[in-house]
Protein backbone atom coordinates (compact mmCIF):
# COMPACT_ATOMS: atom_id res chain seq x y z
CA MET A 1 160.00 62.39 -16.78
CA ASP A 2 159.88 63.26 -13.07
CA ILE A 3 161.25 60.56 -10.75
CA LEU A 4 158.88 61.50 -7.94
CA ASP A 5 155.68 60.77 -9.88
CA PRO A 6 156.46 57.09 -10.60
CA LEU A 7 157.72 56.68 -7.04
CA ARG A 8 154.54 58.20 -5.60
CA ILE A 9 152.30 56.04 -7.79
CA SER A 10 154.29 52.90 -6.93
CA LEU A 11 153.98 53.59 -3.22
CA LEU A 12 150.22 54.14 -3.61
CA ILE A 13 149.87 50.88 -5.53
CA ALA A 14 152.04 48.92 -3.10
CA THR A 15 150.30 50.29 -0.01
CA ALA A 16 146.78 49.67 -1.31
CA GLY A 17 147.79 46.27 -2.67
CA THR A 18 149.30 45.23 0.65
CA VAL A 19 146.18 46.32 2.55
CA ALA A 20 144.12 44.18 0.16
CA CYS A 21 146.47 41.22 0.68
CA VAL A 22 146.17 41.53 4.47
CA ALA A 23 142.39 41.90 4.40
CA MET A 24 141.73 39.01 2.01
CA GLY A 25 144.76 36.81 2.62
CA THR A 26 144.71 36.60 6.43
CA PRO A 27 141.44 34.65 6.77
CA VAL A 28 142.45 32.40 3.87
CA ALA A 29 145.85 31.72 5.46
CA TRP A 30 144.17 30.95 8.79
CA ALA A 31 141.75 28.51 7.12
CA ILE A 32 144.59 26.77 5.28
CA ALA A 33 146.76 26.53 8.39
CA ARG A 34 144.13 25.21 10.82
CA SER A 35 141.99 23.00 8.60
CA ARG A 36 142.95 19.60 7.25
CA SER A 37 139.88 19.16 5.06
CA SER A 38 139.94 18.67 1.31
CA VAL A 39 138.26 22.06 0.91
CA ALA A 40 141.24 23.75 2.57
CA ALA A 41 143.56 21.84 0.24
CA VAL A 42 141.63 23.09 -2.77
CA ILE A 43 141.68 26.66 -1.44
CA SER A 44 145.42 26.35 -0.91
CA GLY A 45 145.92 25.22 -4.50
CA ILE A 46 143.73 27.99 -5.91
CA SER A 47 145.58 30.60 -3.85
CA LEU A 48 148.82 29.63 -5.61
CA LEU A 49 147.46 30.08 -9.14
CA PRO A 50 148.54 33.74 -9.54
CA LEU A 51 152.06 32.66 -8.58
CA VAL A 52 152.40 30.19 -11.45
CA LEU A 53 150.53 32.15 -14.13
CA PRO A 54 152.34 34.77 -16.24
CA PRO A 55 151.59 38.22 -14.77
CA THR A 56 150.34 39.35 -18.19
CA ALA A 57 147.77 36.52 -18.16
CA VAL A 58 146.60 37.62 -14.70
CA GLY A 59 146.38 41.18 -16.00
CA TYR A 60 144.41 40.08 -19.06
CA TYR A 61 141.74 38.32 -17.00
CA LEU A 62 141.53 41.23 -14.57
CA LEU A 63 141.19 43.62 -17.50
CA TRP A 64 138.22 41.59 -18.72
CA LEU A 65 136.73 41.28 -15.22
CA LEU A 66 137.00 44.98 -14.42
CA GLY A 67 136.15 46.22 -17.91
CA ARG A 68 132.79 46.80 -19.55
CA GLU A 69 132.79 43.42 -21.29
CA SER A 70 132.08 41.54 -18.06
CA PRO A 71 128.96 41.76 -15.86
CA THR A 72 131.16 42.77 -12.93
CA GLY A 73 132.77 45.58 -14.88
CA ARG A 74 129.42 46.85 -16.19
CA PHE A 75 128.01 46.84 -12.65
CA LEU A 76 131.00 48.83 -11.36
CA LEU A 77 130.85 51.33 -14.21
CA ASP A 78 127.13 51.74 -14.82
CA ASP A 79 125.62 51.17 -11.37
CA LEU A 80 128.37 52.34 -9.01
CA GLY A 81 130.24 54.74 -11.27
CA ILE A 82 133.57 53.14 -10.37
CA GLN A 83 136.23 52.88 -13.07
CA LEU A 84 139.22 50.70 -12.21
CA VAL A 85 140.71 50.12 -15.65
CA PHE A 86 143.48 52.64 -16.49
CA THR A 87 143.61 53.86 -12.88
CA TRP A 88 146.11 53.30 -10.08
CA PRO A 89 143.49 51.56 -7.87
CA GLY A 90 143.06 49.08 -10.71
CA ALA A 91 146.82 48.62 -10.78
CA ALA A 92 146.73 48.04 -7.01
CA ILE A 93 144.15 45.28 -7.47
CA ALA A 94 146.35 43.64 -10.11
CA ALA A 95 149.41 43.91 -7.86
CA ALA A 96 147.46 42.44 -4.93
CA VAL A 97 146.26 39.45 -6.96
CA VAL A 98 149.82 38.67 -8.05
CA SER A 99 151.23 39.18 -4.53
CA ILE A 100 148.59 37.48 -2.40
CA PRO A 101 150.00 33.92 -2.80
CA LEU A 102 153.24 35.04 -1.14
CA TYR A 103 151.31 36.68 1.69
CA ILE A 104 149.09 33.64 2.24
CA ARG A 105 151.93 31.12 2.31
CA THR A 106 154.04 33.20 4.70
CA ALA A 107 151.12 34.00 7.02
CA ALA A 108 149.93 30.37 6.99
CA ALA A 109 153.39 29.22 8.05
CA GLY A 110 153.15 31.50 11.07
CA PHE A 111 149.63 30.33 11.96
CA GLU A 112 150.77 26.71 11.80
CA GLN A 113 153.29 27.41 14.57
CA VAL A 114 150.61 28.48 17.06
CA ASP A 115 150.26 25.84 19.77
CA GLU A 116 146.93 24.03 19.53
CA GLU A 117 146.75 23.60 23.30
CA VAL A 118 146.96 27.37 23.77
CA LEU A 119 144.09 27.81 21.32
CA MET A 120 141.96 25.18 23.05
CA SER A 121 142.50 26.83 26.41
CA ALA A 122 141.68 30.27 25.02
CA ARG A 123 138.48 29.02 23.37
CA THR A 124 137.10 27.99 26.75
CA LEU A 125 137.41 31.57 27.99
CA VAL A 126 136.61 33.95 25.11
CA PRO A 127 134.76 33.96 21.76
CA PRO A 128 136.60 32.82 18.60
CA TRP A 129 137.11 36.34 17.25
CA ARG A 130 138.80 37.39 20.50
CA VAL A 131 140.97 34.27 20.39
CA PHE A 132 142.16 35.22 16.94
CA THR A 133 142.65 38.91 17.75
CA PHE A 134 144.25 38.66 21.17
CA VAL A 135 145.93 35.25 21.07
CA VAL A 136 146.68 34.16 17.52
CA VAL A 137 147.82 37.50 16.08
CA PRO A 138 150.23 38.31 18.95
CA LEU A 139 151.76 34.83 18.66
CA ALA A 140 152.05 34.91 14.88
CA TRP A 141 153.00 38.59 14.49
CA PRO A 142 156.51 37.99 13.05
CA SER A 143 155.10 35.94 10.19
CA LEU A 144 152.28 38.42 9.57
CA ILE A 145 154.68 41.37 9.41
CA ALA A 146 157.08 39.40 7.22
CA ALA A 147 154.17 38.44 4.93
CA SER A 148 153.12 42.09 4.70
CA LEU A 149 156.64 43.24 3.84
CA ILE A 150 157.00 40.55 1.19
CA ALA A 151 153.61 41.46 -0.29
CA PHE A 152 154.54 45.16 -0.27
CA ALA A 153 157.82 44.43 -2.08
CA ARG A 154 156.05 42.25 -4.64
CA CYS A 155 153.38 44.89 -5.25
CA LEU A 156 156.05 47.55 -5.61
CA GLY A 157 157.91 45.56 -8.24
CA GLU A 158 154.92 44.28 -10.20
CA PHE A 159 154.98 45.26 -13.87
CA GLY A 160 153.17 42.84 -16.19
CA ALA A 161 149.73 42.65 -14.61
CA THR A 162 149.60 46.32 -13.62
CA VAL A 163 150.54 47.56 -17.10
CA VAL A 164 147.88 45.40 -18.74
CA VAL A 165 145.18 46.66 -16.37
CA ALA A 166 146.25 50.28 -15.91
CA ALA A 167 148.66 50.95 -18.81
CA SER A 168 151.53 53.41 -18.22
CA ILE A 169 149.93 56.85 -18.14
CA PRO A 170 152.38 59.56 -17.00
CA GLY A 171 151.39 61.05 -13.66
CA LYS A 172 148.43 58.67 -13.26
CA THR A 173 149.37 55.00 -13.60
CA ARG A 174 153.05 54.96 -14.58
CA SER A 175 154.72 53.07 -11.73
CA LEU A 176 158.43 52.76 -11.01
CA PRO A 177 158.90 49.48 -12.97
CA ALA A 178 156.93 50.91 -15.92
CA ALA A 179 158.96 54.12 -15.80
CA ILE A 180 162.22 52.14 -15.90
CA TYR A 181 160.95 50.17 -18.88
CA ASP A 182 159.81 53.31 -20.71
CA ALA A 183 163.08 55.15 -20.01
CA ASN A 184 165.13 52.22 -21.25
CA LEU A 185 162.93 51.88 -24.34
CA ALA A 186 163.43 55.59 -25.07
CA GLY A 187 167.20 55.24 -24.70
CA ASN A 188 167.31 57.52 -21.66
CA GLU A 189 169.93 55.56 -19.73
CA THR A 190 170.48 58.29 -17.14
CA LEU A 191 166.83 58.31 -16.10
CA ALA A 192 166.62 54.53 -16.17
CA HIS A 193 169.67 54.40 -13.90
CA GLN A 194 168.18 56.93 -11.47
CA LEU A 195 164.87 55.10 -11.30
CA SER A 196 166.61 51.76 -10.82
CA LEU A 197 168.69 53.20 -7.98
CA ALA A 198 165.49 54.41 -6.30
CA ALA A 199 164.02 50.91 -6.62
CA LEU A 200 167.26 49.43 -5.26
CA ALA A 201 167.19 51.74 -2.23
CA ILE A 202 163.58 50.84 -1.42
CA GLY A 203 164.39 47.15 -1.83
CA PHE A 204 167.33 47.46 0.55
CA VAL A 205 165.13 49.11 3.19
CA LEU A 206 162.48 46.37 2.85
CA VAL A 207 165.04 43.57 3.10
CA SER A 208 166.58 45.22 6.16
CA LEU A 209 163.17 45.48 7.83
CA LEU A 210 162.42 41.84 6.99
CA THR A 211 165.74 40.74 8.49
CA PHE A 212 165.06 42.77 11.64
CA VAL A 213 161.62 41.17 12.05
CA LEU A 214 163.00 37.65 11.61
CA GLN A 215 165.81 38.27 14.08
CA ALA A 216 163.33 39.68 16.60
CA ALA A 217 161.21 36.54 16.22
CA ILE A 218 164.24 34.32 16.80
CA ARG A 219 165.20 36.26 19.93
CA ARG A 220 161.61 36.02 21.19
CA ASP A 221 161.47 32.24 20.74
CA ARG A 222 164.95 31.63 22.16
CA PRO A 223 164.79 30.26 25.74
């Protein structure tokens, strides 16, 4: 087994999964942070479901949703010609679903710190989308970057949901966690050790980046 293939696939899955988390999780986090309605509370609770469910259960429901047995899966396959099951994009979707609660909670915490008076003043001058883009995001950037790094790390390490949706096909869907599992199952301790060291090195880099971002935020807020 080549170490580079699982690493490449894992990076593809983690990158695509993180992009999905940012695209879908940011508006949800903003709604949760700025709204006090019961609807926002329900959305907040639903957003946490993937965090408390077993990853294999999440993978099972995604497998049904994206497969031919569901109307959504049949539409993707028959009408659009898109196959997500047993592909790395399908694994990225599974990783994103499992990781998005962490992104939403971290991003929402940053949005909650934005001063309401600043927002009210900005709304009198520019449209809401410009307020969010040019006022909210610059003020909440440490939390958004931290949320993205956490989501990336979670996507990179996801195993249960991704294996159920995409299996562990060498060179196509076998990610780093799946490769470690397969190497250990085959009794190849040397390969399992090498793959684990690669995962450890990536984890160290991500933790270092997260620490740097948090320290930069503290220095920015310090009078």
